[in-house]
Amino acid sequence: MAAERGAVLRPGDWITYGDGDHQVVALAGTAVRLRSQSGAESVVLASHLMAAPDFSVTGTEPLPALEPSGLLTALPEAVPTAAKEWQYARRLAAEAGLDDTNETADARVLDGLLTRAEHGPDTRSAKVAARTRTARAAPAPAAAPETEGSTQPETGLQPPAAAEARRASP
């Protein structure tokens, strides 16, 4: 029987291999030191052992529960946020033609980002002022004229004048 996918071989495990049951005494690189029930010791390559048709792990302790390592979800909330800020700063540095592997350049970009975030959106620049003036000067979209026998379903969202005209008509 071949080893199960994802199986882990550790010292102390009991395996069936070749002539009987063996205990894994040690692992060194790709070598596995085994001790048979009769006390005879042998060293076998892990690849040879696990490719054997009669190999199986017969006795093992369950793996200890471990915290996920290397995942941002296991960290306090501020840590992933800071990591994302640094990633964004590195990307902006690269887009600006700066060396994104230079932490000093990244720190300057990040400092600029945080300064802008601290002061809020820039409402005084010429671009922002022009956009605001254009938006205020643009006419409001005209309401669609009411037609009798309309095939469109009624949504209930009508301008107040149209709703009042409907109530007044018989």
Protein backbone atom coordinates (compact mmCIF):
# COMPACT_ATOMS: atom_id res chain seq x y z
CA MET A 1 0.00 0.00 0.00
CA ALA A 2 1.44 3.39 -0.93
CA ALA A 3 1.70 6.20 1.61
CA GLU A 4 -1.26 8.55 1.86
CA ARG A 5 -0.92 11.88 0.13
CA GLY A 6 0.34 14.49 2.59
CA ALA A 7 1.48 11.85 5.11
CA VAL A 8 4.31 12.86 7.40
CA LEU A 9 6.95 10.42 8.59
CA ARG A 10 8.37 11.29 12.02
CA PRO A 11 10.59 9.63 14.60
CA GLY A 12 8.47 7.38 16.78
CA ASP A 13 6.08 6.34 13.99
CA TRP A 14 5.48 2.64 13.35
CA ILE A 15 5.52 1.48 9.73
CA THR A 16 5.01 -1.74 7.86
CA TYR A 17 7.79 -2.36 5.35
CA GLY A 18 9.50 -5.37 3.87
CA ASP A 19 9.69 -8.12 6.46
CA GLY A 20 7.46 -6.62 9.16
CA ASP A 21 6.80 -3.70 11.49
CA HIS A 22 9.50 -1.13 12.16
CA GLN A 23 9.76 1.98 14.27
CA VAL A 24 11.22 5.16 12.76
CA VAL A 25 14.18 5.97 15.00
CA ALA A 26 15.65 8.94 13.14
CA LEU A 27 15.50 10.95 9.93
CA ALA A 28 18.66 12.38 8.40
CA GLY A 29 18.29 14.11 5.04
CA THR A 30 16.74 11.47 2.78
CA ALA A 31 17.75 8.55 5.02
CA VAL A 32 15.36 6.89 7.48
CA ARG A 33 16.77 4.82 10.36
CA LEU A 34 14.46 1.96 11.31
CA ARG A 35 14.38 -0.48 14.22
CA SER A 36 12.45 -3.71 13.75
CA GLN A 37 10.39 -5.35 16.49
CA SER A 38 13.24 -7.79 17.04
CA GLY A 39 15.68 -4.89 17.60
CA ALA A 40 17.57 -5.00 14.29
CA GLU A 41 18.37 -1.57 12.89
CA SER A 42 18.59 -0.54 9.25
CA VAL A 43 18.88 2.63 7.18
CA VAL A 44 16.69 3.04 4.10
CA LEU A 45 16.30 5.92 1.65
CA ALA A 46 12.96 7.65 2.17
CA SER A 47 12.16 7.49 -1.54
CA HIS A 48 12.85 3.73 -1.63
CA LEU A 49 10.83 3.19 1.53
CA MET A 50 7.78 5.14 0.39
CA ALA A 51 7.86 3.62 -3.11
CA ALA A 52 7.73 0.08 -1.70
CA PRO A 53 4.41 -1.62 -2.43
CA ASP A 54 4.09 -2.93 1.13
CA PHE A 55 4.89 0.40 2.87
CA SER A 56 2.30 1.90 5.20
CA VAL A 57 2.32 4.02 8.33
CA THR A 58 0.56 1.92 10.95
CA GLY A 59 0.98 3.91 14.13
CA THR A 60 1.55 7.61 14.60
CA GLU A 61 0.68 10.43 16.93
CA PRO A 62 -1.52 13.18 15.52
CA LEU A 63 0.33 16.25 14.33
CA PRO A 64 0.35 19.08 16.86
CA ALA A 65 -1.89 22.04 16.11
CA LEU A 66 0.13 25.02 14.94
CA GLU A 67 -0.80 28.61 14.34
CA PRO A 68 -0.67 29.46 10.63
CA SER A 69 2.75 30.94 10.02
CA GLY A 70 3.39 33.59 7.44
CA LEU A 71 -0.24 34.58 7.10
CA LEU A 72 -1.29 38.16 7.69
CA THR A 73 -4.58 37.01 9.21
CA ALA A 74 -2.81 35.69 12.32
CA LEU A 75 -1.34 39.12 13.10
CA PRO A 76 -2.87 42.07 14.93
CA GLU A 77 -4.95 44.32 12.67
CA ALA A 78 -2.37 47.12 12.48
CA VAL A 79 0.35 44.85 11.05
CA PRO A 80 -1.41 43.84 7.80
CA THR A 81 -2.49 47.44 7.30
CA ALA A 82 1.11 48.64 7.60
CA ALA A 83 2.28 45.89 5.24
CA LYS A 84 -0.30 46.95 2.65
CA GLU A 85 0.76 50.59 3.01
CA TRP A 86 4.38 49.62 2.33
CA GLN A 87 3.36 47.53 -0.69
CA TYR A 88 1.40 50.47 -2.08
CA ALA A 89 4.32 52.83 -1.46
CA ARG A 90 6.70 50.45 -3.26
CA ARG A 91 4.35 50.27 -6.23
CA LEU A 92 4.05 54.08 -6.38
CA ALA A 93 7.83 54.41 -6.13
CA ALA A 94 8.27 52.00 -9.04
CA GLU A 95 5.64 53.87 -11.10
CA ALA A 96 7.47 57.13 -10.41
CA GLY A 97 10.72 55.62 -11.70
CA LEU A 98 12.32 55.38 -8.26
CA ASP A 99 14.21 52.32 -7.04
CA ASP A 100 11.45 50.37 -5.26
CA THR A 101 14.04 48.17 -3.53
CA ASN A 102 15.46 51.24 -1.78
CA GLU A 103 13.64 51.52 1.55
CA THR A 104 14.54 55.21 1.88
CA ALA A 105 12.70 56.01 -1.35
CA ASP A 106 9.76 53.87 -0.22
CA ALA A 107 9.73 55.65 3.14
CA ARG A 108 9.60 59.06 1.43
CA VAL A 109 6.70 57.96 -0.77
CA LEU A 110 4.90 56.48 2.24
CA ASP A 111 5.49 59.67 4.25
CA GLY A 112 3.92 61.69 1.44
CA LEU A 113 0.93 59.35 1.34
CA LEU A 114 0.40 59.55 5.09
CA THR A 115 0.78 63.34 5.08
CA ARG A 116 -1.87 63.64 2.37
CA ALA A 117 -4.15 61.24 4.23
CA GLU A 118 -3.68 63.23 7.43
CA HIS A 119 -4.75 66.49 5.78
CA GLY A 120 -7.69 65.04 3.85
CA PRO A 121 -8.54 65.59 0.21
CA ASP A 122 -7.02 68.54 -1.59
CA THR A 123 -9.94 70.89 -2.19
CA ARG A 124 -7.84 73.93 -3.02
CA SER A 125 -6.06 72.74 -6.15
CA ALA A 126 -7.05 74.15 -9.51
CA LYS A 127 -8.13 70.73 -10.82
CA VAL A 128 -10.45 70.04 -7.90
CA ALA A 129 -11.92 73.55 -8.02
CA ALA A 130 -12.55 73.28 -11.78
CA ARG A 131 -14.27 69.90 -11.39
CA THR A 132 -16.46 71.24 -8.59
CA ARG A 133 -17.48 74.31 -10.66
CA THR A 134 -18.28 72.10 -13.67
CA ALA A 135 -20.38 69.74 -11.59
CA ARG A 136 -22.35 72.60 -10.02
CA ALA A 137 -22.93 74.32 -13.39
CA ALA A 138 -24.11 71.17 -15.17
CA PRO A 139 -27.88 71.06 -15.60
CA ALA A 140 -29.78 68.43 -13.70
CA PRO A 141 -30.98 65.52 -15.84
CA ALA A 142 -34.48 66.14 -17.19
CA ALA A 143 -37.27 63.84 -16.09
CA ALA A 144 -38.70 61.60 -18.78
CA PRO A 145 -42.12 62.79 -20.03
CA GLU A 146 -45.13 60.78 -18.89
CA THR A 147 -46.94 58.92 -21.67
CA GLU A 148 -50.24 57.15 -21.40
CA GLY A 149 -50.20 53.42 -21.96
CA SER A 150 -46.54 53.11 -21.10
CA THR A 151 -45.30 49.53 -21.25
CA GLN A 152 -42.57 50.13 -18.67
CA PRO A 153 -43.25 48.71 -15.22
CA GLU A 154 -43.92 51.20 -12.48
CA THR A 155 -40.99 51.40 -10.06
CA GLY A 156 -42.55 53.69 -7.51
CA LEU A 157 -39.61 56.08 -7.87
CA GLN A 158 -41.10 59.10 -9.58
CA PRO A 159 -40.38 62.79 -9.34
CA PRO A 160 -42.73 64.49 -6.84
CA ALA A 161 -44.52 66.48 -9.58
CA ALA A 162 -45.30 63.32 -11.60
CA ALA A 163 -46.57 61.49 -8.51
CA GLU A 164 -48.80 64.45 -7.59
CA ALA A 165 -50.20 64.66 -11.15
CA ARG A 166 -51.11 60.97 -11.02
CA ARG A 167 -52.96 61.35 -7.76
CA ALA A 168 -54.94 64.33 -9.17
CA SER A 169 -56.02 62.52 -12.38
CA PRO A 170 -59.24 60.35 -12.18
